[in-house]
Amino acid sequence: MLACDYADQISEESNKLRGIGIGDVNGEGNREDEDGIENPRKRSKLGHFDANRDGGVLAGAEKDVFVRYLDVLSTKYLDAVEIGRKEIAEDMAATDEDIKQLMAAGFLTIKDVNSCWLSVRNAGRYWLNIAKGRNELLQALKKNKFHEILEKTLVDKKLRNSIVHPRLILMEMLGSGAVISVVTPMGHMIRLAKTPSQKAAFRW
């Protein structure tokens, strides 16, 4: 799941908690009255925090749980896949009730008594589309006599079973070692790896 999508999901839950509907704020993040006159009391845009209103002057416990969760994840746990309950309590000033709320919203799942997995909602659909697109590109490469296709041709290929852009899938394939990129006079050539890495052999 892309980071921006994940942040949007968390912000959405935060707004639900605060009772803010889609029509409550205008494009500038300001609240408007029924007659369309802008209220001088401003709200920050989704996912953005005003240092004078949301950040520096507010203690962590005063922010709602989803805002605190996003703050902590975007600063201390960018590469993490799990988080301890002790860290949740210390870094987020979170109570047991806060943790239950994050679990109910689908952002945490239980790993064991002392820790939780960081969870991405709707990730199953994303990885399913990655896997289907990956298989399509691999099949196209295998059908070629020399098991290679120009990168531009692969990137421009219309996938039948995946909504994910081929370029993103190709980057995953290059990163996992399933394919390699070779510079040729015609441009970058994508070629099946002769000895795929163990990571590339993993099936989603």
N, C-alpha and C. Protein backbone atom coordinates (compact mmCIF):
# COMPACT_ATOMS: atom_id res chain seq x y z
N MET A 1 0.85 -1.18 0.00
CA MET A 1 0.00 0.00 0.00
C MET A 1 0.88 1.22 0.00
N LEU A 2 0.52 2.23 -0.83
CA LEU A 2 1.32 3.43 -0.86
C LEU A 2 1.15 4.20 0.43
N ALA A 3 2.24 4.88 0.84
CA ALA A 3 2.22 5.61 2.11
C ALA A 3 1.13 6.68 2.12
N CYS A 4 0.95 7.39 0.99
CA CYS A 4 -0.04 8.47 0.96
C CYS A 4 -1.45 7.91 1.15
N ASP A 5 -1.72 6.70 0.58
CA ASP A 5 -3.03 6.08 0.76
C ASP A 5 -3.25 5.71 2.21
N TYR A 6 -2.20 5.20 2.85
CA TYR A 6 -2.30 4.78 4.25
C TYR A 6 -2.58 6.00 5.13
N ALA A 7 -1.87 7.10 4.87
CA ALA A 7 -2.09 8.33 5.64
C ALA A 7 -3.51 8.84 5.44
N ASP A 8 -4.04 8.73 4.22
CA ASP A 8 -5.40 9.18 3.95
C ASP A 8 -6.41 8.34 4.72
N GLN A 9 -6.16 7.03 4.81
CA GLN A 9 -7.06 6.15 5.56
C GLN A 9 -7.09 6.55 7.03
N ILE A 10 -5.91 6.81 7.59
CA ILE A 10 -5.83 7.18 9.00
C ILE A 10 -6.52 8.53 9.23
N SER A 11 -6.29 9.48 8.33
CA SER A 11 -6.93 10.79 8.44
C SER A 11 -8.44 10.68 8.36
N GLU A 12 -8.92 9.78 7.51
CA GLU A 12 -10.36 9.57 7.37
C GLU A 12 -10.96 9.10 8.69
N GLU A 13 -10.29 8.13 9.35
CA GLU A 13 -10.78 7.64 10.63
C GLU A 13 -10.74 8.74 11.69
N SER A 14 -9.70 9.58 11.63
CA SER A 14 -9.58 10.68 12.56
C SER A 14 -10.75 11.64 12.42
N ASN A 15 -11.12 11.94 11.18
CA ASN A 15 -12.23 12.85 10.93
C ASN A 15 -13.56 12.27 11.38
N LYS A 16 -13.72 10.95 11.20
CA LYS A 16 -14.93 10.29 11.68
C LYS A 16 -15.04 10.44 13.19
N LEU A 17 -13.90 10.28 13.86
CA LEU A 17 -13.88 10.36 15.32
C LEU A 17 -14.27 11.75 15.80
N ARG A 18 -13.83 12.78 15.02
CA ARG A 18 -14.13 14.16 15.38
C ARG A 18 -15.45 14.65 14.81
N GLY A 19 -16.13 13.78 14.02
CA GLY A 19 -17.42 14.14 13.48
C GLY A 19 -17.36 15.11 12.34
N ILE A 20 -16.27 15.09 11.57
CA ILE A 20 -16.13 15.99 10.43
C ILE A 20 -16.57 15.27 9.18
N GLY A 21 -17.55 15.79 8.47
CA GLY A 21 -18.01 15.19 7.23
C GLY A 21 -17.31 15.82 6.05
N ILE A 22 -17.52 15.25 4.87
CA ILE A 22 -16.87 15.76 3.67
C ILE A 22 -17.29 17.19 3.39
N GLY A 23 -18.55 17.52 3.68
CA GLY A 23 -19.04 18.85 3.38
C GLY A 23 -18.76 19.87 4.46
N ASP A 24 -18.08 19.49 5.51
CA ASP A 24 -17.84 20.40 6.62
C ASP A 24 -16.70 21.35 6.40
N VAL A 25 -15.78 20.99 5.49
CA VAL A 25 -14.64 21.86 5.25
C VAL A 25 -14.52 22.16 3.77
N ASN A 26 -14.10 23.39 3.46
CA ASN A 26 -13.93 23.74 2.06
C ASN A 26 -12.56 23.36 1.57
N GLY A 27 -12.22 23.68 0.34
CA GLY A 27 -10.97 23.27 -0.27
C GLY A 27 -9.75 23.78 0.45
N GLU A 28 -9.89 24.88 1.25
CA GLU A 28 -8.74 25.44 1.94
C GLU A 28 -8.59 24.88 3.34
N GLY A 29 -9.50 23.97 3.72
CA GLY A 29 -9.42 23.40 5.06
C GLY A 29 -10.07 24.28 6.09
N ASN A 30 -10.93 25.26 5.69
CA ASN A 30 -11.60 26.15 6.62
C ASN A 30 -13.07 25.76 6.74
N ARG A 31 -13.62 25.91 7.93
CA ARG A 31 -15.03 25.60 8.14
C ARG A 31 -15.89 26.75 7.62
N GLU A 32 -17.02 26.41 6.96
CA GLU A 32 -17.91 27.43 6.45
C GLU A 32 -19.26 27.35 7.12
N ASP A 33 -19.95 28.49 7.25
CA ASP A 33 -21.30 28.54 7.78
C ASP A 33 -22.28 28.11 6.70
N GLU A 34 -23.56 27.95 7.08
CA GLU A 34 -24.56 27.50 6.13
C GLU A 34 -24.71 28.46 4.96
N ASP A 35 -24.51 29.79 5.21
CA ASP A 35 -24.66 30.76 4.13
C ASP A 35 -23.40 30.88 3.28
N GLY A 36 -22.41 30.03 3.52
CA GLY A 36 -21.21 30.01 2.69
C GLY A 36 -20.14 30.96 3.15
N ILE A 37 -20.38 31.69 4.27
CA ILE A 37 -19.37 32.60 4.77
C ILE A 37 -18.34 31.83 5.57
N GLU A 38 -17.07 32.08 5.26
CA GLU A 38 -15.99 31.34 5.92
C GLU A 38 -15.90 31.71 7.40
N ASN A 39 -15.84 30.70 8.22
CA ASN A 39 -15.66 30.90 9.65
C ASN A 39 -14.19 31.19 9.92
N PRO A 40 -13.88 32.19 10.71
CA PRO A 40 -12.47 32.52 10.95
C PRO A 40 -11.71 31.43 11.66
N ARG A 41 -12.42 30.50 12.32
CA ARG A 41 -11.73 29.40 12.97
C ARG A 41 -11.35 28.38 11.92
N LYS A 42 -10.07 28.17 11.71
CA LYS A 42 -9.59 27.31 10.62
C LYS A 42 -9.24 25.92 11.12
N ARG A 43 -9.37 24.98 10.21
CA ARG A 43 -8.88 23.62 10.47
C ARG A 43 -7.79 23.31 9.47
N SER A 44 -6.83 22.51 9.87
CA SER A 44 -5.77 22.12 8.95
C SER A 44 -6.32 21.18 7.90
N LYS A 45 -5.65 21.11 6.74
CA LYS A 45 -6.02 20.15 5.71
C LYS A 45 -5.78 18.75 6.22
N LEU A 46 -6.47 17.78 5.62
CA LEU A 46 -6.31 16.39 6.02
C LEU A 46 -4.85 15.96 5.91
N GLY A 47 -4.36 15.35 6.97
CA GLY A 47 -2.99 14.85 6.94
C GLY A 47 -1.94 15.90 7.21
N HIS A 48 -2.35 17.19 7.41
CA HIS A 48 -1.42 18.26 7.69
C HIS A 48 -1.75 18.85 9.06
N PHE A 49 -0.73 19.25 9.79
CA PHE A 49 -0.95 19.75 11.13
C PHE A 49 -0.36 21.13 11.29
N ASP A 50 -1.14 22.03 11.88
CA ASP A 50 -0.70 23.39 12.16
C ASP A 50 0.08 23.37 13.46
N ALA A 51 1.31 23.82 13.42
CA ALA A 51 2.17 23.77 14.60
C ALA A 51 1.57 24.54 15.76
N ASN A 52 0.84 25.62 15.47
CA ASN A 52 0.26 26.44 16.54
C ASN A 52 -1.05 25.87 17.07
N ARG A 53 -1.67 24.96 16.29
CA ARG A 53 -2.96 24.43 16.72
C ARG A 53 -2.91 22.95 17.05
N ASP A 54 -2.29 22.16 16.15
CA ASP A 54 -2.30 20.71 16.32
C ASP A 54 -1.04 20.17 16.98
N GLY A 55 0.10 20.83 16.75
CA GLY A 55 1.37 20.22 17.14
C GLY A 55 1.94 20.69 18.44
N GLY A 56 2.79 21.75 18.35
CA GLY A 56 3.60 22.13 19.49
C GLY A 56 2.84 22.46 20.76
N VAL A 57 1.67 23.10 20.64
CA VAL A 57 0.98 23.54 21.84
C VAL A 57 0.09 22.46 22.43
N LEU A 58 -0.12 21.36 21.68
CA LEU A 58 -0.97 20.29 22.19
C LEU A 58 -0.13 19.13 22.68
N ALA A 59 -0.43 18.64 23.84
CA ALA A 59 0.25 17.45 24.34
C ALA A 59 -0.24 16.26 23.53
N GLY A 60 0.62 15.20 23.43
CA GLY A 60 0.27 14.03 22.62
C GLY A 60 -1.08 13.44 23.00
N ALA A 61 -1.39 13.41 24.30
CA ALA A 61 -2.62 12.78 24.75
C ALA A 61 -3.85 13.56 24.31
N GLU A 62 -3.68 14.84 23.96
CA GLU A 62 -4.83 15.66 23.58
C GLU A 62 -5.22 15.46 22.12
N LYS A 63 -4.33 14.94 21.32
CA LYS A 63 -4.66 14.64 19.93
C LYS A 63 -5.44 13.33 19.90
N ASP A 64 -6.31 13.15 18.92
CA ASP A 64 -7.02 11.88 18.88
C ASP A 64 -6.06 10.77 18.48
N VAL A 65 -6.47 9.55 18.73
CA VAL A 65 -5.58 8.40 18.61
C VAL A 65 -5.06 8.21 17.18
N PHE A 66 -5.87 8.52 16.17
CA PHE A 66 -5.44 8.32 14.79
C PHE A 66 -4.38 9.34 14.37
N VAL A 67 -4.52 10.56 14.86
CA VAL A 67 -3.51 11.59 14.58
C VAL A 67 -2.18 11.21 15.23
N ARG A 68 -2.24 10.73 16.47
CA ARG A 68 -1.02 10.32 17.18
C ARG A 68 -0.38 9.12 16.49
N TYR A 69 -1.21 8.19 16.03
CA TYR A 69 -0.71 7.00 15.34
C TYR A 69 0.04 7.40 14.06
N LEU A 70 -0.55 8.31 13.28
CA LEU A 70 0.08 8.76 12.05
C LEU A 70 1.37 9.52 12.34
N ASP A 71 1.36 10.36 13.38
CA ASP A 71 2.56 11.10 13.78
C ASP A 71 3.72 10.15 14.08
N VAL A 72 3.45 9.14 14.89
CA VAL A 72 4.49 8.22 15.34
C VAL A 72 5.00 7.37 14.18
N LEU A 73 4.08 6.85 13.36
CA LEU A 73 4.49 6.00 12.24
C LEU A 73 5.34 6.76 11.22
N SER A 74 5.01 8.03 11.00
CA SER A 74 5.72 8.80 9.98
C SER A 74 7.06 9.33 10.46
N THR A 75 7.36 9.16 11.74
CA THR A 75 8.64 9.67 12.26
C THR A 75 9.57 8.58 12.80
N LYS A 76 9.00 7.56 13.44
CA LYS A 76 9.86 6.57 14.11
C LYS A 76 9.76 5.16 13.56
N TYR A 77 8.69 4.85 12.83
CA TYR A 77 8.48 3.46 12.43
C TYR A 77 8.23 3.32 10.92
N LEU A 78 8.99 4.07 10.13
CA LEU A 78 8.80 4.04 8.67
C LEU A 78 9.06 2.66 8.07
N ASP A 79 10.03 1.93 8.62
CA ASP A 79 10.41 0.62 8.07
C ASP A 79 9.92 -0.54 8.93
N ALA A 80 9.15 -0.25 9.95
CA ALA A 80 8.72 -1.30 10.88
C ALA A 80 7.52 -2.07 10.35
N VAL A 81 7.40 -3.33 10.77
CA VAL A 81 6.22 -4.13 10.45
C VAL A 81 5.47 -4.52 11.73
N GLU A 82 6.09 -4.25 12.87
CA GLU A 82 5.45 -4.54 14.15
C GLU A 82 5.83 -3.47 15.17
N ILE A 83 5.08 -3.41 16.24
CA ILE A 83 5.34 -2.43 17.28
C ILE A 83 4.92 -3.02 18.62
N GLY A 84 5.74 -2.81 19.65
CA GLY A 84 5.44 -3.33 20.97
C GLY A 84 4.38 -2.50 21.67
N ARG A 85 3.60 -3.13 22.53
CA ARG A 85 2.59 -2.40 23.28
C ARG A 85 3.23 -1.33 24.18
N LYS A 86 4.42 -1.62 24.67
CA LYS A 86 5.13 -0.64 25.49
C LYS A 86 5.46 0.61 24.68
N GLU A 87 5.94 0.40 23.44
CA GLU A 87 6.26 1.53 22.56
C GLU A 87 5.00 2.33 22.19
N ILE A 88 3.89 1.59 21.97
CA ILE A 88 2.63 2.27 21.65
C ILE A 88 2.23 3.19 22.79
N ALA A 89 2.35 2.66 24.01
CA ALA A 89 1.97 3.44 25.18
C ALA A 89 2.88 4.64 25.40
N GLU A 90 4.20 4.43 25.20
CA GLU A 90 5.15 5.51 25.46
C GLU A 90 5.17 6.55 24.34
N ASP A 91 5.24 6.09 23.08
CA ASP A 91 5.40 7.03 21.96
C ASP A 91 4.10 7.72 21.57
N MET A 92 2.97 7.04 21.82
CA MET A 92 1.69 7.60 21.42
C MET A 92 0.85 8.08 22.60
N ALA A 93 1.35 7.87 23.80
CA ALA A 93 0.56 8.15 25.00
C ALA A 93 -0.79 7.44 24.89
N ALA A 94 -0.74 6.19 24.42
CA ALA A 94 -1.96 5.44 24.13
C ALA A 94 -2.40 4.59 25.31
N THR A 95 -3.69 4.53 25.51
CA THR A 95 -4.28 3.68 26.53
C THR A 95 -4.70 2.36 25.89
N ASP A 96 -5.14 1.41 26.71
CA ASP A 96 -5.65 0.14 26.18
C ASP A 96 -6.85 0.39 25.27
N GLU A 97 -7.66 1.39 25.63
CA GLU A 97 -8.82 1.72 24.83
C GLU A 97 -8.41 2.26 23.45
N ASP A 98 -7.31 3.05 23.43
CA ASP A 98 -6.79 3.56 22.16
C ASP A 98 -6.34 2.41 21.26
N ILE A 99 -5.65 1.45 21.86
CA ILE A 99 -5.16 0.29 21.10
C ILE A 99 -6.33 -0.50 20.52
N LYS A 100 -7.38 -0.67 21.32
CA LYS A 100 -8.58 -1.37 20.84
C LYS A 100 -9.20 -0.63 19.67
N GLN A 101 -9.17 0.69 19.74
CA GLN A 101 -9.75 1.51 18.68
C GLN A 101 -8.96 1.35 17.38
N LEU A 102 -7.62 1.32 17.49
CA LEU A 102 -6.78 1.12 16.31
C LEU A 102 -6.98 -0.26 15.70
N MET A 103 -7.19 -1.26 16.56
CA MET A 103 -7.44 -2.62 16.08
C MET A 103 -8.79 -2.69 15.38
N ALA A 104 -9.79 -2.04 15.98
CA ALA A 104 -11.12 -2.06 15.40
C ALA A 104 -11.14 -1.38 14.03
N ALA A 105 -10.29 -0.37 13.86
CA ALA A 105 -10.21 0.36 12.59
C ALA A 105 -9.36 -0.37 11.57
N GLY A 106 -8.65 -1.42 12.00
CA GLY A 106 -7.86 -2.23 11.07
C GLY A 106 -6.42 -1.78 10.88
N PHE A 107 -5.90 -0.93 11.80
CA PHE A 107 -4.53 -0.44 11.66
C PHE A 107 -3.54 -1.24 12.51
N LEU A 108 -4.03 -2.05 13.43
CA LEU A 108 -3.17 -2.93 14.23
C LEU A 108 -3.83 -4.30 14.31
N THR A 109 -3.02 -5.34 14.31
CA THR A 109 -3.51 -6.70 14.58
C THR A 109 -2.60 -7.33 15.63
N ILE A 110 -3.12 -8.25 16.38
CA ILE A 110 -2.37 -8.85 17.47
C ILE A 110 -1.30 -9.80 16.95
N LYS A 111 -0.07 -9.62 17.42
CA LYS A 111 1.01 -10.56 17.11
C LYS A 111 1.18 -11.52 18.28
N ASP A 112 1.38 -10.96 19.47
CA ASP A 112 1.43 -11.75 20.70
C ASP A 112 1.01 -10.84 21.85
N VAL A 113 1.24 -11.31 23.07
CA VAL A 113 0.77 -10.56 24.23
C VAL A 113 1.39 -9.17 24.31
N ASN A 114 2.65 -9.04 23.88
CA ASN A 114 3.37 -7.78 24.06
C ASN A 114 3.56 -6.94 22.80
N SER A 115 3.06 -7.40 21.66
CA SER A 115 3.30 -6.63 20.44
C SER A 115 2.17 -6.81 19.43
N CYS A 116 2.16 -5.91 18.45
CA CYS A 116 1.13 -5.91 17.40
C CYS A 116 1.79 -5.76 16.04
N TRP A 117 1.12 -6.30 15.03
CA TRP A 117 1.54 -6.06 13.65
C TRP A 117 0.96 -4.73 13.20
N LEU A 118 1.73 -3.96 12.42
CA LEU A 118 1.19 -2.78 11.77
C LEU A 118 0.39 -3.28 10.56
N SER A 119 -0.86 -2.92 10.50
CA SER A 119 -1.75 -3.48 9.49
C SER A 119 -2.15 -2.42 8.47
N VAL A 120 -2.27 -2.85 7.21
CA VAL A 120 -2.73 -1.97 6.13
C VAL A 120 -4.08 -2.48 5.64
N ARG A 121 -5.09 -1.66 5.76
CA ARG A 121 -6.42 -2.08 5.34
C ARG A 121 -6.48 -2.23 3.82
N ASN A 122 -7.22 -3.25 3.37
CA ASN A 122 -7.41 -3.51 1.94
C ASN A 122 -6.11 -3.89 1.23
N ALA A 123 -5.10 -4.30 1.99
CA ALA A 123 -3.82 -4.67 1.37
C ALA A 123 -3.96 -5.93 0.52
N GLY A 124 -4.91 -6.79 0.89
CA GLY A 124 -5.11 -8.04 0.14
C GLY A 124 -5.41 -7.79 -1.32
N ARG A 125 -6.28 -6.81 -1.58
CA ARG A 125 -6.64 -6.48 -2.96
C ARG A 125 -5.42 -5.95 -3.72
N TYR A 126 -4.62 -5.14 -3.03
CA TYR A 126 -3.42 -4.57 -3.65
C TYR A 126 -2.44 -5.67 -4.05
N TRP A 127 -2.12 -6.57 -3.10
CA TRP A 127 -1.15 -7.63 -3.39
C TRP A 127 -1.67 -8.64 -4.40
N LEU A 128 -2.98 -8.85 -4.42
CA LEU A 128 -3.57 -9.76 -5.41
C LEU A 128 -3.35 -9.20 -6.82
N ASN A 129 -3.54 -7.89 -6.97
CA ASN A 129 -3.33 -7.26 -8.28
C ASN A 129 -1.85 -7.24 -8.67
N ILE A 130 -0.97 -7.06 -7.68
CA ILE A 130 0.47 -7.13 -7.95
C ILE A 130 0.83 -8.53 -8.46
N ALA A 131 0.31 -9.56 -7.78
CA ALA A 131 0.62 -10.94 -8.15
C ALA A 131 0.11 -11.28 -9.55
N LYS A 132 -1.12 -10.85 -9.86
CA LYS A 132 -1.68 -11.15 -11.19
C LYS A 132 -0.90 -10.42 -12.29
N GLY A 133 -0.57 -9.16 -12.03
CA GLY A 133 0.20 -8.41 -13.02
C GLY A 133 1.58 -8.98 -13.21
N ARG A 134 2.18 -9.43 -12.11
CA ARG A 134 3.52 -10.04 -12.15
C ARG A 134 3.50 -11.28 -13.03
N ASN A 135 2.48 -12.10 -12.85
CA ASN A 135 2.37 -13.33 -13.65
C ASN A 135 2.22 -13.01 -15.13
N GLU A 136 1.46 -11.96 -15.45
CA GLU A 136 1.27 -11.58 -16.85
C GLU A 136 2.59 -11.15 -17.49
N LEU A 137 3.37 -10.34 -16.77
CA LEU A 137 4.65 -9.88 -17.31
C LEU A 137 5.64 -11.04 -17.43
N LEU A 138 5.64 -11.93 -16.46
CA LEU A 138 6.54 -13.09 -16.52
C LEU A 138 6.19 -14.00 -17.70
N GLN A 139 4.89 -14.19 -17.92
CA GLN A 139 4.46 -15.03 -19.04
C GLN A 139 4.86 -14.41 -20.38
N ALA A 140 4.76 -13.07 -20.46
CA ALA A 140 5.16 -12.38 -21.69
C ALA A 140 6.65 -12.57 -21.95
N LEU A 141 7.46 -12.52 -20.89
CA LEU A 141 8.90 -12.72 -21.03
C LEU A 141 9.23 -14.16 -21.42
N LYS A 142 8.52 -15.11 -20.83
CA LYS A 142 8.79 -16.52 -21.10
C LYS A 142 8.41 -16.91 -22.53
N LYS A 143 7.42 -16.23 -23.10
CA LYS A 143 7.00 -16.53 -24.46
C LYS A 143 7.99 -16.01 -25.50
N ASN A 144 8.78 -15.02 -25.11
CA ASN A 144 9.78 -14.48 -26.02
C ASN A 144 10.93 -15.48 -26.18
N LYS A 145 11.45 -15.60 -27.40
CA LYS A 145 12.49 -16.58 -27.69
C LYS A 145 13.71 -16.43 -26.79
N PHE A 146 14.12 -15.19 -26.53
CA PHE A 146 15.31 -14.95 -25.72
C PHE A 146 14.97 -14.51 -24.28
N HIS A 147 13.69 -14.65 -23.93
CA HIS A 147 13.24 -14.31 -22.59
C HIS A 147 13.59 -12.87 -22.21
N GLU A 148 13.41 -11.95 -23.18
CA GLU A 148 13.70 -10.55 -22.91
C GLU A 148 12.78 -9.66 -23.75
N ILE A 149 12.44 -8.51 -23.16
CA ILE A 149 11.56 -7.55 -23.83
C ILE A 149 12.03 -6.15 -23.45
N LEU A 150 11.93 -5.21 -24.37
CA LEU A 150 12.30 -3.83 -24.07
C LEU A 150 11.45 -3.30 -22.91
N GLU A 151 12.09 -2.58 -22.03
CA GLU A 151 11.39 -2.04 -20.86
C GLU A 151 10.17 -1.22 -21.27
N LYS A 152 10.35 -0.38 -22.30
CA LYS A 152 9.24 0.47 -22.75
C LYS A 152 8.04 -0.37 -23.19
N THR A 153 8.31 -1.49 -23.84
CA THR A 153 7.22 -2.37 -24.29
C THR A 153 6.48 -2.96 -23.10
N LEU A 154 7.22 -3.38 -22.08
CA LEU A 154 6.61 -3.96 -20.89
C LEU A 154 5.78 -2.93 -20.13
N VAL A 155 6.36 -1.73 -19.98
CA VAL A 155 5.69 -0.67 -19.23
C VAL A 155 4.40 -0.22 -19.93
N ASP A 156 4.41 -0.25 -21.25
CA ASP A 156 3.23 0.17 -22.02
C ASP A 156 2.20 -0.95 -22.20
N LYS A 157 2.53 -2.13 -21.73
CA LYS A 157 1.63 -3.28 -21.91
C LYS A 157 0.34 -3.08 -21.11
N LYS A 158 -0.78 -3.37 -21.74
CA LYS A 158 -2.07 -3.28 -21.06
C LYS A 158 -2.35 -4.62 -20.36
N LEU A 159 -2.44 -4.57 -19.04
CA LEU A 159 -2.67 -5.79 -18.27
C LEU A 159 -4.15 -6.13 -18.25
N ARG A 160 -4.46 -7.41 -18.40
CA ARG A 160 -5.85 -7.85 -18.43
C ARG A 160 -6.41 -8.12 -17.05
N ASN A 161 -5.55 -8.56 -16.14
CA ASN A 161 -6.05 -9.03 -14.84
C ASN A 161 -5.58 -8.20 -13.65
N SER A 162 -4.99 -7.03 -13.91
CA SER A 162 -4.47 -6.21 -12.81
C SER A 162 -4.75 -4.74 -13.07
N ILE A 163 -5.10 -4.03 -11.99
CA ILE A 163 -5.34 -2.59 -12.11
C ILE A 163 -4.09 -1.79 -11.74
N VAL A 164 -3.03 -2.48 -11.29
CA VAL A 164 -1.78 -1.81 -10.92
C VAL A 164 -0.97 -1.53 -12.18
N HIS A 165 -0.36 -0.35 -12.25
CA HIS A 165 0.42 0.03 -13.44
C HIS A 165 1.62 -0.91 -13.62
N PRO A 166 1.90 -1.34 -14.86
CA PRO A 166 3.01 -2.26 -15.13
C PRO A 166 4.36 -1.74 -14.61
N ARG A 167 4.57 -0.43 -14.61
CA ARG A 167 5.85 0.12 -14.14
C ARG A 167 6.09 -0.22 -12.67
N LEU A 168 5.05 -0.12 -11.85
CA LEU A 168 5.17 -0.45 -10.43
C LEU A 168 5.46 -1.93 -10.24
N ILE A 169 4.79 -2.77 -11.03
CA ILE A 169 5.02 -4.21 -10.95
C ILE A 169 6.43 -4.56 -11.40
N LEU A 170 6.89 -3.90 -12.45
CA LEU A 170 8.24 -4.14 -12.95
C LEU A 170 9.29 -3.76 -11.90
N MET A 171 9.07 -2.68 -11.18
CA MET A 171 10.00 -2.28 -10.12
C MET A 171 10.07 -3.35 -9.03
N GLU A 172 8.91 -3.95 -8.71
CA GLU A 172 8.88 -5.03 -7.72
C GLU A 172 9.65 -6.23 -8.23
N MET A 173 9.51 -6.54 -9.51
CA MET A 173 10.20 -7.69 -10.11
C MET A 173 11.72 -7.47 -10.14
N LEU A 174 12.13 -6.25 -10.45
CA LEU A 174 13.57 -5.93 -10.44
C LEU A 174 14.12 -5.99 -9.02
N GLY A 175 13.36 -5.47 -8.07
CA GLY A 175 13.81 -5.49 -6.68
C GLY A 175 13.91 -6.87 -6.10
N SER A 176 13.02 -7.77 -6.52
CA SER A 176 13.03 -9.14 -5.99
C SER A 176 14.04 -10.03 -6.71
N GLY A 177 14.58 -9.55 -7.84
CA GLY A 177 15.57 -10.35 -8.57
C GLY A 177 14.96 -11.30 -9.57
N ALA A 178 13.65 -11.18 -9.84
CA ALA A 178 13.00 -12.06 -10.82
C ALA A 178 13.47 -11.73 -12.23
N VAL A 179 13.79 -10.46 -12.47
CA VAL A 179 14.28 -10.03 -13.78
C VAL A 179 15.47 -9.10 -13.57
N ILE A 180 16.21 -8.86 -14.67
CA ILE A 180 17.33 -7.92 -14.62
C ILE A 180 17.17 -6.92 -15.77
N SER A 181 17.78 -5.78 -15.63
CA SER A 181 17.74 -4.75 -16.66
C SER A 181 19.10 -4.66 -17.33
N VAL A 182 19.12 -4.76 -18.65
CA VAL A 182 20.36 -4.74 -19.43
C VAL A 182 20.32 -3.57 -20.41
N VAL A 183 21.38 -2.78 -20.43
CA VAL A 183 21.45 -1.64 -21.36
C VAL A 183 21.86 -2.13 -22.74
N THR A 184 21.07 -1.81 -23.75
CA THR A 184 21.36 -2.19 -25.14
C THR A 184 21.25 -0.95 -26.03
N PRO A 185 21.74 -1.02 -27.27
CA PRO A 185 21.59 0.13 -28.18
C PRO A 185 20.14 0.55 -28.41
N MET A 186 19.21 -0.38 -28.21
CA MET A 186 17.80 -0.08 -28.42
C MET A 186 17.14 0.51 -27.18
N GLY A 187 17.85 0.45 -26.05
CA GLY A 187 17.29 0.93 -24.79
C GLY A 187 17.43 -0.13 -23.71
N HIS A 188 16.82 0.09 -22.56
CA HIS A 188 16.88 -0.87 -21.46
C HIS A 188 16.07 -2.12 -21.80
N MET A 189 16.71 -3.27 -21.69
CA MET A 189 16.07 -4.54 -21.98
C MET A 189 15.81 -5.27 -20.65
N ILE A 190 14.58 -5.74 -20.47
CA ILE A 190 14.24 -6.51 -19.27
C ILE A 190 14.36 -7.98 -19.61
N ARG A 191 15.17 -8.69 -18.83
CA ARG A 191 15.46 -10.10 -19.12
C ARG A 191 15.19 -10.95 -17.89
N LEU A 192 14.64 -12.14 -18.11
CA LEU A 192 14.42 -13.07 -16.99
C LEU A 192 15.76 -13.43 -16.36
N ALA A 193 15.81 -13.43 -15.04
CA ALA A 193 17.04 -13.81 -14.35
C ALA A 193 17.27 -15.30 -14.53
N LYS A 194 18.52 -15.68 -14.82
CA LYS A 194 18.84 -17.10 -15.02
C LYS A 194 18.71 -17.89 -13.73
N THR A 195 19.12 -17.27 -12.64
CA THR A 195 19.01 -17.93 -11.34
C THR A 195 18.24 -16.99 -10.41
N PRO A 196 16.90 -17.03 -10.45
CA PRO A 196 16.09 -16.14 -9.61
C PRO A 196 16.43 -16.30 -8.13
N SER A 197 16.40 -15.19 -7.43
CA SER A 197 16.69 -15.22 -6.00
C SER A 197 15.56 -15.93 -5.25
N GLN A 198 15.83 -16.30 -4.01
CA GLN A 198 14.81 -16.95 -3.19
C GLN A 198 13.62 -16.02 -3.00
N LYS A 199 13.89 -14.72 -2.93
CA LYS A 199 12.82 -13.73 -2.77
C LYS A 199 11.92 -13.73 -4.00
N ALA A 200 12.54 -13.87 -5.18
CA ALA A 200 11.77 -13.84 -6.43
C ALA A 200 10.89 -15.07 -6.57
N ALA A 201 11.30 -16.18 -5.95
CA ALA A 201 10.54 -17.41 -6.05
C ALA A 201 9.32 -17.43 -5.13
N PHE A 202 9.24 -16.43 -4.24
CA PHE A 202 8.12 -16.38 -3.30
C PHE A 202 6.82 -16.08 -4.03
N ARG A 203 5.78 -16.80 -3.68
CA ARG A 203 4.47 -16.61 -4.33
C ARG A 203 3.55 -15.89 -3.37
N TRP A 204 2.91 -14.81 -3.83
CA TRP A 204 1.96 -14.09 -3.00
C TRP A 204 0.68 -14.89 -2.89
